[in-house]
């Protein structure tokens, strides 16, 4: 005697239920970008700040700590000390730092003037 599992009703059939809120998320336009309604305020702030940053920093060149060390002819540890000490402004990207090329040149220019 063979047993077969009972047939299930299809999700679109007579026994299907409509779940509230399913489907595409509702969105709204805000300053030219779509954001999900009900998104946490922090997510909305991130989207707004990302748009401002991307508008102003499109032509800025970021250097890694190793590249900064090579330009300045110092060790990577010296660059890390300068970043942590506030002598050299840097941006944290994940677990690493990036320094703008302009910040490196400004630092070297100021150091040259002090020594000269």
Protein backbone atom coordinates (compact mmCIF):
# COMPACT_ATOMS: atom_id res chain seq x y z
CA UNK A 1 0.00 0.00 0.00
CA UNK A 2 1.50 3.26 -1.10
CA UNK A 3 0.88 6.54 0.72
CA UNK A 4 1.14 9.83 -1.05
CA UNK A 5 1.14 13.22 0.63
CA UNK A 6 -2.11 15.19 0.37
CA UNK A 7 -2.32 17.75 -2.38
CA UNK A 8 -1.86 21.35 -1.21
CA UNK A 9 -3.88 24.26 -2.44
CA UNK A 10 -1.97 26.61 -4.70
CA UNK A 11 -1.06 29.98 -3.18
CA UNK A 12 -3.15 31.71 -5.79
CA UNK A 13 -6.08 29.33 -5.40
CA UNK A 14 -9.24 29.55 -3.34
CA UNK A 15 -7.52 29.23 0.05
CA UNK A 16 -4.87 31.91 -0.55
CA UNK A 17 -4.69 34.88 1.80
CA UNK A 18 -3.48 38.36 0.92
CA UNK A 19 -0.80 39.49 3.35
CA UNK A 20 -1.03 43.18 4.21
CA UNK A 21 1.99 45.19 3.20
CA UNK A 22 3.33 42.65 0.75
CA UNK A 23 4.47 43.77 -2.64
CA UNK A 24 6.73 46.63 -3.62
CA UNK A 25 7.67 49.04 -0.82
CA UNK A 26 6.12 52.47 -0.99
CA UNK A 27 8.55 55.22 -1.87
CA UNK A 28 8.60 58.99 -1.85
CA UNK A 29 10.62 61.55 -3.73
CA UNK A 30 12.91 63.71 -1.61
CA UNK A 31 15.38 66.09 -3.24
CA UNK A 32 15.54 64.05 -6.42
CA UNK A 33 16.06 60.65 -4.74
CA UNK A 34 13.53 57.98 -3.87
CA UNK A 35 13.42 56.82 -0.26
CA UNK A 36 11.35 54.10 1.33
CA UNK A 37 8.47 55.42 3.41
CA UNK A 38 8.89 54.35 6.99
CA UNK A 39 12.66 54.07 6.64
CA UNK A 40 14.52 55.03 9.82
CA UNK A 41 15.60 58.69 9.98
CA UNK A 42 19.24 57.61 10.11
CA UNK A 43 18.87 55.91 6.73
CA UNK A 44 17.31 59.07 5.28
CA UNK A 45 20.14 61.20 6.69
CA UNK A 46 22.73 58.83 5.22
CA UNK A 47 21.13 59.11 1.78
CA UNK A 48 21.01 62.92 2.00
CA UNK A 49 24.60 63.22 3.24
CA UNK A 50 25.85 60.77 0.61
CA UNK A 51 24.29 62.92 -2.10
CA UNK A 52 25.95 66.08 -0.72
CA UNK A 53 29.33 64.36 -0.34
CA UNK A 54 29.21 62.85 -3.81
CA UNK A 55 28.41 66.27 -5.30
CA UNK A 56 31.37 67.97 -3.61
CA UNK A 57 34.02 65.25 -3.68
CA UNK A 58 33.74 63.91 -7.20
CA UNK A 59 37.19 65.15 -8.17
CA UNK A 60 39.02 64.57 -4.86
CA UNK A 61 41.74 61.92 -4.94
CA UNK A 62 42.10 59.77 -1.83
CA UNK A 63 45.37 58.05 -0.94
CA UNK A 64 45.91 54.95 1.18
CA UNK A 65 48.18 55.08 4.22
CA UNK A 66 50.86 53.24 2.22
CA UNK A 67 50.64 55.80 -0.60
CA UNK A 68 50.85 58.70 1.88
CA UNK A 69 53.90 57.07 3.49
CA UNK A 70 55.56 56.75 0.08
CA UNK A 71 54.86 60.39 -0.84
CA UNK A 72 56.11 61.68 2.51
CA UNK A 73 58.97 59.15 2.68
CA UNK A 74 58.02 57.99 6.18
CA UNK A 75 56.76 54.69 7.57
CA UNK A 76 53.10 53.69 7.60
CA UNK A 77 53.23 53.79 11.42
CA UNK A 78 54.25 57.47 11.26
CA UNK A 79 51.26 58.21 9.03
CA UNK A 80 48.95 56.37 11.46
CA UNK A 81 50.39 58.42 14.35
CA UNK A 82 49.78 61.64 12.41
CA UNK A 83 46.19 60.62 11.62
CA UNK A 84 45.39 59.55 15.20
CA UNK A 85 47.11 62.66 16.58
CA UNK A 86 45.02 64.97 14.38
CA UNK A 87 48.00 66.32 12.42
CA UNK A 88 46.75 64.81 9.17
CA UNK A 89 42.99 64.71 8.42
CA UNK A 90 41.72 61.34 7.23
CA UNK A 91 38.49 59.55 6.42
CA UNK A 92 37.78 56.10 7.77
CA UNK A 93 36.62 53.66 5.08
CA UNK A 94 35.70 50.37 6.70
CA UNK A 95 38.75 49.35 8.71
CA UNK A 96 41.23 51.52 6.83
CA UNK A 97 41.97 55.22 6.46
CA UNK A 98 42.08 57.40 3.35
CA UNK A 99 43.79 60.78 3.21
CA UNK A 100 43.09 63.36 0.55
CA UNK A 101 45.97 64.22 -1.72
CA UNK A 102 45.35 67.91 -0.92
CA UNK A 103 45.74 67.24 2.83
CA UNK A 104 49.13 65.60 2.23
CA UNK A 105 50.31 68.50 0.08
CA UNK A 106 49.02 71.05 2.62
CA UNK A 107 50.83 69.26 5.44
CA UNK A 108 54.09 69.12 3.47
CA UNK A 109 53.75 72.77 2.46
CA UNK A 110 53.24 73.83 6.10
CA UNK A 111 56.18 71.67 7.22
CA UNK A 112 58.37 73.19 4.52
CA UNK A 113 57.46 76.73 5.61
CA UNK A 114 58.18 75.92 9.28
CA UNK A 115 61.57 74.45 8.43
CA UNK A 116 62.50 77.09 5.88
